[in-house]
Protein backbone atom coordinates (compact mmCIF):
# COMPACT_ATOMS: atom_id res chain seq x y z
CA CYS A 1 -23.14 23.64 17.07
CA VAL A 2 -21.73 21.22 14.75
CA HIS A 3 -19.28 22.00 12.77
CA PHE A 4 -18.27 21.22 9.15
CA SER A 5 -15.46 22.90 7.28
CA VAL A 6 -14.30 21.06 3.32
CA HIS A 7 -10.33 21.33 2.16
CA SER A 8 -8.64 19.52 -0.26
CA PHE A 9 -5.62 17.71 -0.21
CA VAL A 10 -3.08 16.73 -2.87
CA GLU A 11 -3.36 13.34 -4.96
CA ARG A 12 0.22 12.76 -4.79
CA LEU A 13 2.78 13.73 -1.93
CA GLY A 14 6.20 12.84 -1.50
CA GLY A 15 5.67 10.53 -5.00
CA VAL A 16 3.73 8.99 -2.86
CA GLU A 17 -0.48 8.43 -4.39
CA ARG A 18 -2.93 9.12 -2.25
CA ARG A 19 -5.65 6.92 -3.34
CA ILE A 20 -8.39 7.96 -0.49
CA GLU A 21 -11.44 9.97 -1.96
CA ILE A 22 -12.45 12.21 1.42
CA GLY A 23 -10.65 12.28 4.98
CA LEU A 24 -12.94 12.61 7.92
CA LEU A 25 -10.93 15.02 10.73
CA PHE A 26 -12.07 14.40 13.96
CA ASP A 27 -10.98 14.01 17.91
CA PRO A 28 -11.24 10.65 18.36
CA HIS A 29 -10.87 11.58 21.86
CA ARG A 30 -14.25 13.30 22.28
CA PRO A 31 -17.08 10.38 22.03
CA ARG A 32 -20.07 12.14 19.89
CA GLU A 33 -17.19 13.63 17.54
CA ARG A 34 -16.42 9.38 17.47
CA ALA A 35 -19.84 8.61 16.65
CA VAL A 36 -20.91 11.13 14.38
CA ALA A 37 -17.59 10.40 12.47
CA THR A 38 -18.57 6.52 11.88
CA LEU A 39 -22.20 7.69 11.08
CA LEU A 40 -20.48 9.87 7.97
CA ARG A 41 -18.19 7.44 6.97
CA GLU A 42 -21.14 4.91 7.18
CA ARG A 43 -22.74 7.00 4.81
CA LEU A 44 -20.32 7.75 2.13
CA VAL A 45 -19.04 4.40 2.00
CA GLN A 46 -22.37 3.14 0.76
CA ALA A 47 -22.44 6.37 -1.93
CA GLY A 48 -19.21 4.41 -2.96
CA TRP A 49 -16.67 7.09 -1.76
CA SER A 50 -13.32 6.03 -0.16
CA VAL A 51 -13.58 7.36 3.16
CA ARG A 52 -10.28 7.25 6.13
CA PHE A 53 -10.27 8.47 9.80
CA ASN A 54 -8.25 11.57 10.52
CA PHE A 55 -6.68 11.43 6.88
CA PRO A 56 -4.30 12.94 5.31
CA TYR A 57 -3.55 14.89 8.60
CA PHE A 58 -5.33 14.56 12.65
CA GLY A 59 -8.43 15.94 13.48
CA ASN A 60 -7.05 17.23 16.71
CA THR A 61 -3.80 19.10 15.88
CA ASP A 62 -3.67 22.94 14.32
CA GLY A 63 -6.93 24.71 12.79
CA LEU A 64 -10.14 26.50 13.44
CA THR A 65 -11.22 22.96 14.56
CA SER A 66 -8.62 22.66 17.52
CA PHE A 67 -9.58 26.32 18.36
CA LEU A 68 -13.07 25.72 18.63
CA ARG A 69 -12.72 22.65 20.49
CA ALA A 70 -10.23 24.21 23.29
CA ARG A 71 -13.16 27.31 24.04
CA HIS A 72 -16.09 25.01 24.12
CA ARG A 73 -17.56 21.96 25.61
CA ALA A 74 -17.77 18.40 24.61
CA ALA A 75 -21.33 18.88 24.50
CA ASP A 76 -21.80 22.52 22.94
CA TYR A 77 -19.73 21.67 20.27
CA LEU A 78 -18.47 18.83 17.63
CA GLY A 79 -16.03 19.97 14.45
CA PHE A 80 -15.45 17.84 11.69
CA GLU A 81 -12.75 18.72 8.81
CA VAL A 82 -13.43 16.70 6.00
CA GLU A 83 -11.10 16.53 3.62
CA LEU A 84 -11.55 15.65 -0.35
CA ASN A 85 -8.77 14.48 -2.65
CA GLN A 86 -7.92 17.19 -5.61
CA ARG A 87 -8.06 14.16 -8.08
CA VAL A 88 -12.13 14.45 -7.27
CA ALA A 89 -12.31 18.51 -6.33
CA ARG A 90 -10.91 19.66 -9.21
CA THR A 91 -14.04 18.36 -10.91
CA ALA A 92 -17.54 19.96 -11.01
CA ASP A 93 -19.09 16.01 -10.61
CA GLY A 94 -16.53 15.25 -8.09
CA GLN A 95 -17.61 18.85 -6.00
CA ARG A 96 -21.14 18.16 -6.93
CA ARG A 97 -21.25 14.61 -5.64
CA LEU A 98 -19.17 15.00 -2.44
CA ALA A 99 -22.27 18.51 -1.85
CA ARG A 100 -24.63 15.75 -2.36
CA ASP A 101 -23.30 13.04 -0.54
CA LEU A 102 -21.98 15.05 2.58
CA VAL A 103 -25.63 16.58 2.76
CA ALA A 104 -27.73 13.37 2.55
CA ALA A 105 -24.92 11.74 5.56
CA VAL A 106 -25.58 15.13 7.39
CA ARG A 107 -28.88 14.97 7.36
CA ALA A 108 -29.18 11.33 8.82
CA TYR A 109 -27.28 12.65 11.10
CA LEU A 110 -29.52 15.87 12.16
CA SER A 111 -32.51 13.20 11.58
CA GLY A 112 -31.51 10.73 14.47
CA CYS A 113 -30.81 14.00 16.40
CA MET A 114 -34.83 14.99 16.19
CA ARG A 115 -36.34 11.69 16.82
CA THR A 116 -33.48 11.09 19.93
CA THR A 117 -35.43 14.98 20.39
CA ALA A 118 -38.74 14.09 19.89
CA SER A 119 -38.52 10.84 22.01
CA THR A 120 -36.92 12.12 24.85
């Protein structure tokens, strides 16, 4: 199972502007999650997004993905949280752009999975 949840984060916290557009949260201790996150980040950056791993939160702390990781083996479950800066999330154009580019990145990942499966 590859699980994505999408959330937003405030663009300014404690007087500090958060310029990153997308935070991609995952458990860095799970090699498959790290590999998928790397591919997703590459695709999203190519599409023009600013992306940072495990920002503005850590990907292996409280949350649904952590809850599910505790119940499923790393081979059976990959959990990701996509955090979108509210500066982008508040506009319909930003929402559409994220949906389009995230879907394209996930398709690229799944396409690679299908090629790997077909060749074995």
